[in-house]
Amino acid sequence: MLVEDGAERTAVDSAKVRFRDLGKRDVDWYLSTGEWKGRAGGYAIQGRGAALVERIQGDYNCVVGLPVAALLRLAPDLVRAESSSPRWASPTTCCWTSSRRSGA
């Protein structure tokens, strides 16, 4: 949801994830990594959890947690912000960062 000048705009995006046929050994391995802790869905596709996935249908960024395309439909100026010098992180981290520090 984005609120700008009192107007609320929302967007919804989705993706389907198909997991490989996982055996006990696969599941035990992933659990032993601890990577799953604190993750929505119990795995991290951007990390070792990618080994569990057969394919995705939809936007990878949506699976990671930030549907970038939907966000930019709501706020296209995010990538053109004048003073913040936005830059995109590597595709494996899938997040937006800014060189501007909060409180500065």
PDB file of N, CA and C in Angstrom:
ATOM      1  N   MET A   1       0.843  -1.161   0.000  1.00  0.00           N
ATOM      2  CA  MET A   1       0.000   0.000   0.000  1.00  0.00           C
ATOM      3  C   MET A   1       0.895   1.234   0.000  1.00  0.00           C
ATOM      4  N   LEU A   2       0.477   2.213  -0.749  1.00  0.00           N
ATOM      5  CA  LEU A   2       1.187   3.474  -0.824  1.00  0.00           C
ATOM      6  C   LEU A   2       0.174   4.585  -0.595  1.00  0.00           C
ATOM      7  N   VAL A   3       0.501   5.500   0.305  1.00  0.00           N
ATOM      8  CA  VAL A   3      -0.361   6.646   0.557  1.00  0.00           C
ATOM      9  C   VAL A   3       0.422   7.882   0.161  1.00  0.00           C
ATOM     10  N   GLU A   4      -0.152   8.625  -0.769  1.00  0.00           N
ATOM     11  CA  GLU A   4       0.504   9.826  -1.267  1.00  0.00           C
ATOM     12  C   GLU A   4      -0.548  10.906  -1.426  1.00  0.00           C
ATOM     13  N   ASP A   5      -0.327  12.058  -0.816  1.00  0.00           N
ATOM     14  CA  ASP A   5      -1.271  13.167  -0.859  1.00  0.00           C
ATOM     15  C   ASP A   5      -2.668  12.728  -0.435  1.00  0.00           C
ATOM     16  N   GLY A   6      -2.738  11.854   0.560  1.00  0.00           N
ATOM     17  CA  GLY A   6      -4.013  11.389   1.087  1.00  0.00           C
ATOM     18  C   GLY A   6      -4.675  10.291   0.271  1.00  0.00           C
ATOM     19  N   ALA A   7      -4.128   9.963  -0.886  1.00  0.00           N
ATOM     20  CA  ALA A   7      -4.705   8.915  -1.727  1.00  0.00           C
ATOM     21  C   ALA A   7      -3.993   7.590  -1.457  1.00  0.00           C
ATOM     22  N   GLU A   8      -4.771   6.558  -1.249  1.00  0.00           N
ATOM     23  CA  GLU A   8      -4.225   5.237  -0.985  1.00  0.00           C
ATOM     24  C   GLU A   8      -4.267   4.407  -2.273  1.00  0.00           C
ATOM     25  N   ARG A   9      -3.113   3.822  -2.598  1.00  0.00           N
ATOM     26  CA  ARG A   9      -3.036   2.941  -3.759  1.00  0.00           C
ATOM     27  C   ARG A   9      -2.480   1.605  -3.289  1.00  0.00           C
ATOM     28  N   THR A  10      -3.019   0.536  -3.839  1.00  0.00           N
ATOM     29  CA  THR A  10      -2.555  -0.794  -3.458  1.00  0.00           C
ATOM     30  C   THR A  10      -2.271  -1.626  -4.699  1.00  0.00           C
ATOM     31  N   ALA A  11      -1.492  -2.660  -4.509  1.00  0.00           N
ATOM     32  CA  ALA A  11      -1.199  -3.597  -5.585  1.00  0.00           C
ATOM     33  C   ALA A  11      -1.051  -4.983  -4.968  1.00  0.00           C
ATOM     34  N   VAL A  12      -1.355  -5.970  -5.743  1.00  0.00           N
ATOM     35  CA  VAL A  12      -1.218  -7.353  -5.314  1.00  0.00           C
ATOM     36  C   VAL A  12      -0.465  -8.095  -6.404  1.00  0.00           C
ATOM     37  N   ASP A  13       0.447  -8.938  -5.998  1.00  0.00           N
ATOM     38  CA  ASP A  13       1.186  -9.770  -6.946  1.00  0.00           C
ATOM     39  C   ASP A  13       1.287 -11.158  -6.342  1.00  0.00           C
ATOM     40  N   SER A  14       1.501 -12.151  -7.168  1.00  0.00           N
ATOM     41  CA  SER A  14       1.620 -13.513  -6.655  1.00  0.00           C
ATOM     42  C   SER A  14       2.586 -14.311  -7.513  1.00  0.00           C
ATOM     43  N   ALA A  15       3.026 -15.404  -6.959  1.00  0.00           N
ATOM     44  CA  ALA A  15       3.885 -16.343  -7.670  1.00  0.00           C
ATOM     45  C   ALA A  15       3.620 -17.727  -7.098  1.00  0.00           C
ATOM     46  N   LYS A  16       3.804 -18.729  -7.930  1.00  0.00           N
ATOM     47  CA  LYS A  16       3.657 -20.114  -7.481  1.00  0.00           C
ATOM     48  C   LYS A  16       5.046 -20.744  -7.442  1.00  0.00           C
ATOM     49  N   VAL A  17       5.286 -21.492  -6.384  1.00  0.00           N
ATOM     50  CA  VAL A  17       6.562 -22.177  -6.222  1.00  0.00           C
ATOM     51  C   VAL A  17       6.299 -23.671  -6.207  1.00  0.00           C
ATOM     52  N   ARG A  18       6.994 -24.387  -7.070  1.00  0.00           N
ATOM     53  CA  ARG A  18       6.897 -25.854  -7.073  1.00  0.00           C
ATOM     54  C   ARG A  18       8.210 -26.403  -6.526  1.00  0.00           C
ATOM     55  N   PHE A  19       8.085 -27.193  -5.477  1.00  0.00           N
ATOM     56  CA  PHE A  19       9.260 -27.795  -4.867  1.00  0.00           C
ATOM     57  C   PHE A  19       9.591 -29.120  -5.542  1.00  0.00           C
ATOM     58  N   ARG A  20      10.861 -29.461  -5.504  1.00  0.00           N
ATOM     59  CA  ARG A  20      11.286 -30.774  -5.993  1.00  0.00           C
ATOM     60  C   ARG A  20      10.676 -31.840  -5.091  1.00  0.00           C
ATOM     61  N   ASP A  21      10.670 -33.078  -5.553  1.00  0.00           N
ATOM     62  CA  ASP A  21      10.315 -34.187  -4.677  1.00  0.00           C
ATOM     63  C   ASP A  21      11.460 -34.333  -3.689  1.00  0.00           C
ATOM     64  N   LEU A  22      11.167 -34.044  -2.442  1.00  0.00           N
ATOM     65  CA  LEU A  22      12.213 -34.012  -1.420  1.00  0.00           C
ATOM     66  C   LEU A  22      12.146 -35.253  -0.548  1.00  0.00           C
ATOM     67  N   GLY A  23      13.289 -35.867  -0.368  1.00  0.00           N
ATOM     68  CA  GLY A  23      13.384 -36.998   0.537  1.00  0.00           C
ATOM     69  C   GLY A  23      13.766 -36.526   1.927  1.00  0.00           C
ATOM     70  N   LYS A  24      13.741 -37.447   2.866  1.00  0.00           N
ATOM     71  CA  LYS A  24      14.100 -37.139   4.251  1.00  0.00           C
ATOM     72  C   LYS A  24      15.498 -36.533   4.335  1.00  0.00           C
ATOM     73  N   ARG A  25      16.415 -37.060   3.556  1.00  0.00           N
ATOM     74  CA  ARG A  25      17.790 -36.549   3.566  1.00  0.00           C
ATOM     75  C   ARG A  25      17.850 -35.079   3.144  1.00  0.00           C
ATOM     76  N   ASP A  26      17.056 -34.724   2.099  1.00  0.00           N
ATOM     77  CA  ASP A  26      17.003 -33.328   1.637  1.00  0.00           C
ATOM     78  C   ASP A  26      16.450 -32.417   2.731  1.00  0.00           C
ATOM     79  N   VAL A  27      15.358 -32.832   3.336  1.00  0.00           N
ATOM     80  CA  VAL A  27      14.716 -32.024   4.367  1.00  0.00           C
ATOM     81  C   VAL A  27      15.631 -31.885   5.581  1.00  0.00           C
ATOM     82  N   ASP A  28      16.232 -32.990   5.998  1.00  0.00           N
ATOM     83  CA  ASP A  28      17.153 -32.938   7.141  1.00  0.00           C
ATOM     84  C   ASP A  28      18.330 -32.004   6.865  1.00  0.00           C
ATOM     85  N   TRP A  29      18.860 -32.058   5.644  1.00  0.00           N
ATOM     86  CA  TRP A  29      19.961 -31.161   5.278  1.00  0.00           C
ATOM     87  C   TRP A  29      19.538 -29.709   5.421  1.00  0.00           C
ATOM     88  N   TYR A  30      18.368 -29.362   4.851  1.00  0.00           N
ATOM     89  CA  TYR A  30      17.948 -27.970   4.899  1.00  0.00           C
ATOM     90  C   TYR A  30      17.666 -27.522   6.329  1.00  0.00           C
ATOM     91  N   LEU A  31      17.025 -28.365   7.094  1.00  0.00           N
ATOM     92  CA  LEU A  31      16.776 -28.015   8.492  1.00  0.00           C
ATOM     93  C   LEU A  31      18.078 -27.788   9.249  1.00  0.00           C
ATOM     94  N   SER A  32      19.094 -28.584   8.936  1.00  0.00           N
ATOM     95  CA  SER A  32      20.374 -28.454   9.640  1.00  0.00           C
ATOM     96  C   SER A  32      21.091 -27.141   9.321  1.00  0.00           C
ATOM     97  N   THR A  33      20.757 -26.500   8.209  1.00  0.00           N
ATOM     98  CA  THR A  33      21.390 -25.226   7.862  1.00  0.00           C
ATOM     99  C   THR A  33      20.907 -24.097   8.767  1.00  0.00           C
ATOM    100  N   GLY A  34      19.709 -24.236   9.314  1.00  0.00           N
ATOM    101  CA  GLY A  34      19.137 -23.173  10.137  1.00  0.00           C
ATOM    102  C   GLY A  34      18.633 -21.992   9.336  1.00  0.00           C
ATOM    103  N   GLU A  35      18.812 -22.034   8.037  1.00  0.00           N
ATOM    104  CA  GLU A  35      18.412 -20.912   7.183  1.00  0.00           C
ATOM    105  C   GLU A  35      16.905 -20.650   7.234  1.00  0.00           C
ATOM    106  N   TRP A  36      16.158 -21.666   7.500  1.00  0.00           N
ATOM    107  CA  TRP A  36      14.702 -21.572   7.501  1.00  0.00           C
ATOM    108  C   TRP A  36      14.157 -20.757   8.669  1.00  0.00           C
ATOM    109  N   LYS A  37      14.927 -20.589   9.710  1.00  0.00           N
ATOM    110  CA  LYS A  37      14.426 -19.914  10.911  1.00  0.00           C
ATOM    111  C   LYS A  37      14.049 -18.461  10.614  1.00  0.00           C
ATOM    112  N   GLY A  38      12.857 -18.103  11.032  1.00  0.00           N
ATOM    113  CA  GLY A  38      12.385 -16.736  10.865  1.00  0.00           C
ATOM    114  C   GLY A  38      11.974 -16.377   9.450  1.00  0.00           C
ATOM    115  N   ARG A  39      11.857 -17.352   8.596  1.00  0.00           N
ATOM    116  CA  ARG A  39      11.480 -17.096   7.193  1.00  0.00           C
ATOM    117  C   ARG A  39       9.996 -17.325   6.989  1.00  0.00           C
ATOM    118  N   ALA A  40       9.360 -16.404   6.301  1.00  0.00           N
ATOM    119  CA  ALA A  40       7.982 -16.625   5.892  1.00  0.00           C
ATOM    120  C   ALA A  40       7.996 -17.794   4.919  1.00  0.00           C
ATOM    121  N   GLY A  41       7.189 -18.773   5.164  1.00  0.00           N
ATOM    122  CA  GLY A  41       7.175 -19.951   4.303  1.00  0.00           C
ATOM    123  C   GLY A  41       8.196 -21.002   4.713  1.00  0.00           C
ATOM    124  N   GLY A  42       9.094 -20.670   5.624  1.00  0.00           N
ATOM    125  CA  GLY A  42      10.035 -21.647   6.155  1.00  0.00           C
ATOM    126  C   GLY A  42      11.226 -21.982   5.272  1.00  0.00           C
ATOM    127  N   TYR A  43      11.520 -21.157   4.267  1.00  0.00           N
ATOM    128  CA  TYR A  43      12.698 -21.382   3.432  1.00  0.00           C
ATOM    129  C   TYR A  43      13.112 -20.059   2.809  1.00  0.00           C
ATOM    130  N   ALA A  44      14.324 -20.017   2.279  1.00  0.00           N
ATOM    131  CA  ALA A  44      14.837 -18.813   1.625  1.00  0.00           C
ATOM    132  C   ALA A  44      15.258 -19.175   0.208  1.00  0.00           C
ATOM    133  N   ILE A  45      14.437 -18.823  -0.757  1.00  0.00           N
ATOM    134  CA  ILE A  45      14.735 -19.160  -2.149  1.00  0.00           C
ATOM    135  C   ILE A  45      16.009 -18.463  -2.624  1.00  0.00           C
ATOM    136  N   GLN A  46      16.358 -17.338  -2.007  1.00  0.00           N
ATOM    137  CA  GLN A  46      17.555 -16.603  -2.405  1.00  0.00           C
ATOM    138  C   GLN A  46      18.817 -17.172  -1.773  1.00  0.00           C
ATOM    139  N   GLY A  47      18.681 -18.221  -1.002  1.00  0.00           N
ATOM    140  CA  GLY A  47      19.832 -18.866  -0.366  1.00  0.00           C
ATOM    141  C   GLY A  47      19.858 -20.346  -0.690  1.00  0.00           C
ATOM    142  N   ARG A  48      20.187 -21.131   0.323  1.00  0.00           N
ATOM    143  CA  ARG A  48      20.251 -22.586   0.137  1.00  0.00           C
ATOM    144  C   ARG A  48      18.899 -23.189  -0.214  1.00  0.00           C
ATOM    145  N   GLY A  49      17.832 -22.507   0.168  1.00  0.00           N
ATOM    146  CA  GLY A  49      16.486 -22.981  -0.143  1.00  0.00           C
ATOM    147  C   GLY A  49      16.224 -23.119  -1.629  1.00  0.00           C
ATOM    148  N   ALA A  50      17.016 -22.455  -2.454  1.00  0.00           N
ATOM    149  CA  ALA A  50      16.862 -22.596  -3.907  1.00  0.00           C
ATOM    150  C   ALA A  50      17.046 -24.046  -4.339  1.00  0.00           C
ATOM    151  N   ALA A  51      17.826 -24.808  -3.585  1.00  0.00           N
ATOM    152  CA  ALA A  51      18.048 -26.221  -3.910  1.00  0.00           C
ATOM    153  C   ALA A  51      16.787 -27.052  -3.715  1.00  0.00           C
ATOM    154  N   LEU A  52      15.800 -26.533  -3.017  1.00  0.00           N
ATOM    155  CA  LEU A  52      14.555 -27.247  -2.773  1.00  0.00           C
ATOM    156  C   LEU A  52      13.527 -27.022  -3.872  1.00  0.00           C
ATOM    157  N   VAL A  53      13.754 -26.002  -4.682  1.00  0.00           N
ATOM    158  CA  VAL A  53      12.753 -25.534  -5.641  1.00  0.00           C
ATOM    159  C   VAL A  53      12.999 -26.121  -7.030  1.00  0.00           C
ATOM    160  N   GLU A  54      11.912 -26.627  -7.621  1.00  0.00           N
ATOM    161  CA  GLU A  54      11.977 -27.118  -9.004  1.00  0.00           C
ATOM    162  C   GLU A  54      11.764 -25.978  -9.991  1.00  0.00           C
ATOM    163  N   ARG A  55      10.748 -25.133  -9.712  1.00  0.00           N
ATOM    164  CA  ARG A  55      10.489 -23.992 -10.593  1.00  0.00           C
ATOM    165  C   ARG A  55       9.547 -23.016  -9.905  1.00  0.00           C
ATOM    166  N   ILE A  56       9.560 -21.795 -10.435  1.00  0.00           N
ATOM    167  CA  ILE A  56       8.592 -20.805  -9.980  1.00  0.00           C
ATOM    168  C   ILE A  56       7.823 -20.301 -11.193  1.00  0.00           C
ATOM    169  N   GLN A  57       6.597 -19.923 -10.948  1.00  0.00           N
ATOM    170  CA  GLN A  57       5.760 -19.325 -11.983  1.00  0.00           C
ATOM    171  C   GLN A  57       5.379 -17.952 -11.464  1.00  0.00           C
ATOM    172  N   GLY A  58       5.918 -16.932 -12.090  1.00  0.00           N
ATOM    173  CA  GLY A  58       5.672 -15.577 -11.629  1.00  0.00           C
ATOM    174  C   GLY A  58       6.979 -14.868 -11.331  1.00  0.00           C
ATOM    175  N   ASP A  59       6.862 -13.790 -10.604  1.00  0.00           N
ATOM    176  CA  ASP A  59       7.990 -12.912 -10.335  1.00  0.00           C
ATOM    177  C   ASP A  59       8.837 -13.426  -9.177  1.00  0.00           C
ATOM    178  N   TYR A  60      10.098 -13.701  -9.438  1.00  0.00           N
ATOM    179  CA  TYR A  60      11.044 -14.153  -8.412  1.00  0.00           C
ATOM    180  C   TYR A  60      11.069 -13.179  -7.238  1.00  0.00           C
ATOM    181  N   ASN A  61      11.052 -11.895  -7.525  1.00  0.00           N
ATOM    182  CA  ASN A  61      11.082 -10.894  -6.462  1.00  0.00           C
ATOM    183  C   ASN A  61       9.887 -11.014  -5.521  1.00  0.00           C
ATOM    184  N   CYS A  62       8.770 -11.446  -6.042  1.00  0.00           N
ATOM    185  CA  CYS A  62       7.583 -11.650  -5.222  1.00  0.00           C
ATOM    186  C   CYS A  62       7.816 -12.803  -4.243  1.00  0.00           C
ATOM    187  N   VAL A  63       8.491 -13.838  -4.698  1.00  0.00           N
ATOM    188  CA  VAL A  63       8.794 -14.982  -3.836  1.00  0.00           C
ATOM    189  C   VAL A  63       9.742 -14.556  -2.720  1.00  0.00           C
ATOM    190  N   VAL A  64      10.732 -13.754  -3.052  1.00  0.00           N
ATOM    191  CA  VAL A  64      11.698 -13.282  -2.060  1.00  0.00           C
ATOM    192  C   VAL A  64      11.008 -12.399  -1.023  1.00  0.00           C
ATOM    193  N   GLY A  65      10.022 -11.633  -1.441  1.00  0.00           N
ATOM    194  CA  GLY A  65       9.285 -10.840  -0.475  1.00  0.00           C
ATOM    195  C   GLY A  65       9.029  -9.407  -0.856  1.00  0.00           C
ATOM    196  N   LEU A  66       9.643  -8.917  -1.910  1.00  0.00           N
ATOM    197  CA  LEU A  66       9.386  -7.553  -2.344  1.00  0.00           C
ATOM    198  C   LEU A  66       9.019  -7.577  -3.827  1.00  0.00           C
ATOM    199  N   PRO A  67       7.719  -7.492  -4.139  1.00  0.00           N
ATOM    200  CA  PRO A  67       7.304  -7.504  -5.540  1.00  0.00           C
ATOM    201  C   PRO A  67       7.672  -6.174  -6.220  1.00  0.00           C
ATOM    202  N   VAL A  68       8.884  -6.110  -6.711  1.00  0.00           N
ATOM    203  CA  VAL A  68       9.449  -4.866  -7.245  1.00  0.00           C
ATOM    204  C   VAL A  68       8.601  -4.301  -8.387  1.00  0.00           C
ATOM    205  N   ALA A  69       8.169  -5.144  -9.301  1.00  0.00           N
ATOM    206  CA  ALA A  69       7.376  -4.642 -10.433  1.00  0.00           C
ATOM    207  C   ALA A  69       6.088  -3.989  -9.947  1.00  0.00           C
ATOM    208  N   ALA A  70       5.410  -4.618  -8.997  1.00  0.00           N
ATOM    209  CA  ALA A  70       4.175  -4.036  -8.454  1.00  0.00           C
ATOM    210  C   ALA A  70       4.473  -2.729  -7.717  1.00  0.00           C
ATOM    211  N   LEU A  71       5.554  -2.711  -6.973  1.00  0.00           N
ATOM    212  CA  LEU A  71       5.947  -1.495  -6.255  1.00  0.00           C
ATOM    213  C   LEU A  71       6.215  -0.349  -7.228  1.00  0.00           C
ATOM    214  N   LEU A  72       6.910  -0.645  -8.310  1.00  0.00           N
ATOM    215  CA  LEU A  72       7.235   0.410  -9.271  1.00  0.00           C
ATOM    216  C   LEU A  72       6.021   0.856 -10.074  1.00  0.00           C
ATOM    217  N   ARG A  73       5.010   0.007 -10.196  1.00  0.00           N
ATOM    218  CA  ARG A  73       3.764   0.469 -10.817  1.00  0.00           C
ATOM    219  C   ARG A  73       3.092   1.508  -9.917  1.00  0.00           C
ATOM    220  N   LEU A  74       3.224   1.325  -8.608  1.00  0.00           N
ATOM    221  CA  LEU A  74       2.641   2.287  -7.668  1.00  0.00           C
ATOM    222  C   LEU A  74       3.482   3.547  -7.546  1.00  0.00           C
ATOM    223  N   ALA A  75       4.801   3.386  -7.569  1.00  0.00           N
ATOM    224  CA  ALA A  75       5.702   4.515  -7.323  1.00  0.00           C
ATOM    225  C   ALA A  75       6.888   4.469  -8.278  1.00  0.00           C
ATOM    226  N   PRO A  76       6.669   4.767  -9.546  1.00  0.00           N
ATOM    227  CA  PRO A  76       7.752   4.676 -10.527  1.00  0.00           C
ATOM    228  C   PRO A  76       8.921   5.606 -10.246  1.00  0.00           C
ATOM    229  N   ASP A  77       8.697   6.659  -9.494  1.00  0.00           N
ATOM    230  CA  ASP A  77       9.780   7.601  -9.208  1.00  0.00           C
ATOM    231  C   ASP A  77      10.798   7.060  -8.210  1.00  0.00           C
ATOM    232  N   LEU A  78      10.546   5.913  -7.605  1.00  0.00           N
ATOM    233  CA  LEU A  78      11.520   5.337  -6.671  1.00  0.00           C
ATOM    234  C   LEU A  78      12.889   5.140  -7.317  1.00  0.00           C
ATOM    235  N   VAL A  79      12.915   4.775  -8.581  1.00  0.00           N
ATOM    236  CA  VAL A  79      14.200   4.555  -9.247  1.00  0.00           C
ATOM    237  C   VAL A  79      14.729   5.815  -9.903  1.00  0.00           C
ATOM    238  N   ARG A  80      13.970   6.896  -9.791  1.00  0.00           N
ATOM    239  CA  ARG A  80      14.419   8.162 -10.369  1.00  0.00           C
ATOM    240  C   ARG A  80      14.538   9.250  -9.314  1.00  0.00           C
ATOM    241  N   ALA A  81      14.558   8.861  -8.054  1.00  0.00           N
ATOM    242  CA  ALA A  81      14.624   9.847  -6.969  1.00  0.00           C
ATOM    243  C   ALA A  81      15.870  10.714  -7.141  1.00  0.00           C
ATOM    244  N   GLU A  82      15.701  12.019  -6.992  1.00  0.00           N
ATOM    245  CA  GLU A  82      16.792  12.963  -7.248  1.00  0.00           C
ATOM    246  C   GLU A  82      17.945  12.841  -6.263  1.00  0.00           C
ATOM    247  N   SER A  83      17.668  12.979  -4.986  1.00  0.00           N
ATOM    248  CA  SER A  83      18.764  13.074  -4.027  1.00  0.00           C
ATOM    249  C   SER A  83      19.182  11.748  -3.418  1.00  0.00           C
ATOM    250  N   SER A  84      18.402  10.709  -3.592  1.00  0.00           N
ATOM    251  CA  SER A  84      18.723   9.471  -2.901  1.00  0.00           C
ATOM    252  C   SER A  84      19.660   8.570  -3.697  1.00  0.00           C
ATOM    253  N   SER A  85      19.914   8.871  -4.955  1.00  0.00           N
ATOM    254  CA  SER A  85      20.782   8.044  -5.799  1.00  0.00           C
ATOM    255  C   SER A  85      20.491   6.559  -5.631  1.00  0.00           C
ATOM    256  N   PRO A  86      19.262   6.118  -5.948  1.00  0.00           N
ATOM    257  CA  PRO A  86      18.932   4.715  -5.735  1.00  0.00           C
ATOM    258  C   PRO A  86      19.772   3.805  -6.621  1.00  0.00           C
ATOM    259  N   ARG A  87      20.000   2.637  -6.144  1.00  0.00           N
ATOM    260  CA  ARG A  87      20.698   1.637  -6.942  1.00  0.00           C
ATOM    261  C   ARG A  87      20.112   0.283  -6.595  1.00  0.00           C
ATOM    262  N   TRP A  88      20.081  -0.578  -7.561  1.00  0.00           N
ATOM    263  CA  TRP A  88      19.541  -1.918  -7.351  1.00  0.00           C
ATOM    264  C   TRP A  88      20.659  -2.824  -6.891  1.00  0.00           C
ATOM    265  N   ALA A  89      20.337  -3.668  -5.941  1.00  0.00           N
ATOM    266  CA  ALA A  89      21.292  -4.653  -5.456  1.00  0.00           C
ATOM    267  C   ALA A  89      21.394  -5.781  -6.478  1.00  0.00           C
ATOM    268  N   SER A  90      22.274  -6.723  -6.218  1.00  0.00           N
ATOM    269  CA  SER A  90      22.424  -7.846  -7.139  1.00  0.00           C
ATOM    270  C   SER A  90      21.124  -8.636  -7.199  1.00  0.00           C
ATOM    271  N   PRO A  91      20.866  -9.330  -8.312  1.00  0.00           N
ATOM    272  CA  PRO A  91      19.620 -10.085  -8.453  1.00  0.00           C
ATOM    273  C   PRO A  91      19.425 -11.146  -7.379  1.00  0.00           C
ATOM    274  N   THR A  92      20.482 -11.574  -6.732  1.00  0.00           N
ATOM    275  CA  THR A  92      20.308 -12.604  -5.716  1.00  0.00           C
ATOM    276  C   THR A  92      19.829 -12.030  -4.395  1.00  0.00           C
ATOM    277  N   THR A  93      20.003 -10.719  -4.175  1.00  0.00           N
ATOM    278  CA  THR A  93      19.524 -10.147  -2.932  1.00  0.00           C
ATOM    279  C   THR A  93      18.174  -9.470  -3.101  1.00  0.00           C
ATOM    280  N   CYS A  94      17.864  -9.009  -4.296  1.00  0.00           N
ATOM    281  CA  CYS A  94      16.545  -8.500  -4.637  1.00  0.00           C
ATOM    282  C   CYS A  94      15.984  -7.482  -3.663  1.00  0.00           C
ATOM    283  N   CYS A  95      16.690  -6.451  -3.473  1.00  0.00           N
ATOM    284  CA  CYS A  95      16.160  -5.394  -2.620  1.00  0.00           C
ATOM    285  C   CYS A  95      16.598  -4.042  -3.163  1.00  0.00           C
ATOM    286  N   TRP A  96      15.893  -3.001  -2.756  1.00  0.00           N
ATOM    287  CA  TRP A  96      16.222  -1.649  -3.176  1.00  0.00           C
ATOM    288  C   TRP A  96      16.984  -0.992  -2.061  1.00  0.00           C
ATOM    289  N   THR A  97      18.074  -0.356  -2.400  1.00  0.00           N
ATOM    290  CA  THR A  97      18.856   0.344  -1.397  1.00  0.00           C
ATOM    291  C   THR A  97      19.037   1.788  -1.813  1.00  0.00           C
ATOM    292  N   SER A  98      19.369   2.615  -0.877  1.00  0.00           N
ATOM    293  CA  SER A  98      19.577   4.018  -1.148  1.00  0.00           C
ATOM    294  C   SER A  98      20.835   4.465  -0.435  1.00  0.00           C
ATOM    295  N   SER A  99      21.535   5.406  -1.035  1.00  0.00           N
ATOM    296  CA  SER A  99      22.739   5.915  -0.398  1.00  0.00           C
ATOM    297  C   SER A  99      22.407   6.952   0.664  1.00  0.00           C
ATOM    298  N   ARG A 100      21.168   7.442   0.707  1.00  0.00           N
ATOM    299  CA  ARG A 100      20.758   8.414   1.713  1.00  0.00           C
ATOM    300  C   ARG A 100      20.548   7.701   3.047  1.00  0.00           C
ATOM    301  N   ARG A 101      21.080   8.256   4.102  1.00  0.00           N
ATOM    302  CA  ARG A 101      20.921   7.671   5.436  1.00  0.00           C
ATOM    303  C   ARG A 101      19.774   8.345   6.150  1.00  0.00           C
ATOM    304  N   SER A 102      18.993   7.547   6.860  1.00  0.00           N
ATOM    305  CA  SER A 102      17.893   8.157   7.597  1.00  0.00           C
ATOM    306  C   SER A 102      18.446   8.982   8.742  1.00  0.00           C
ATOM    307  N   GLY A 103      17.803  10.094   9.005  1.00  0.00           N
ATOM    308  CA  GLY A 103      18.235  10.982  10.059  1.00  0.00           C
ATOM    309  C   GLY A 103      19.391  11.880   9.674  1.00  0.00           C
ATOM    310  N   ALA A 104      19.858  11.798   8.434  1.00  0.00           N
ATOM    311  CA  ALA A 104      21.003  12.631   8.005  1.00  0.00           C
ATOM    312  C   ALA A 104      20.510  13.930   7.412  1.00  0.00           C
TER     313      ALA A 104
END
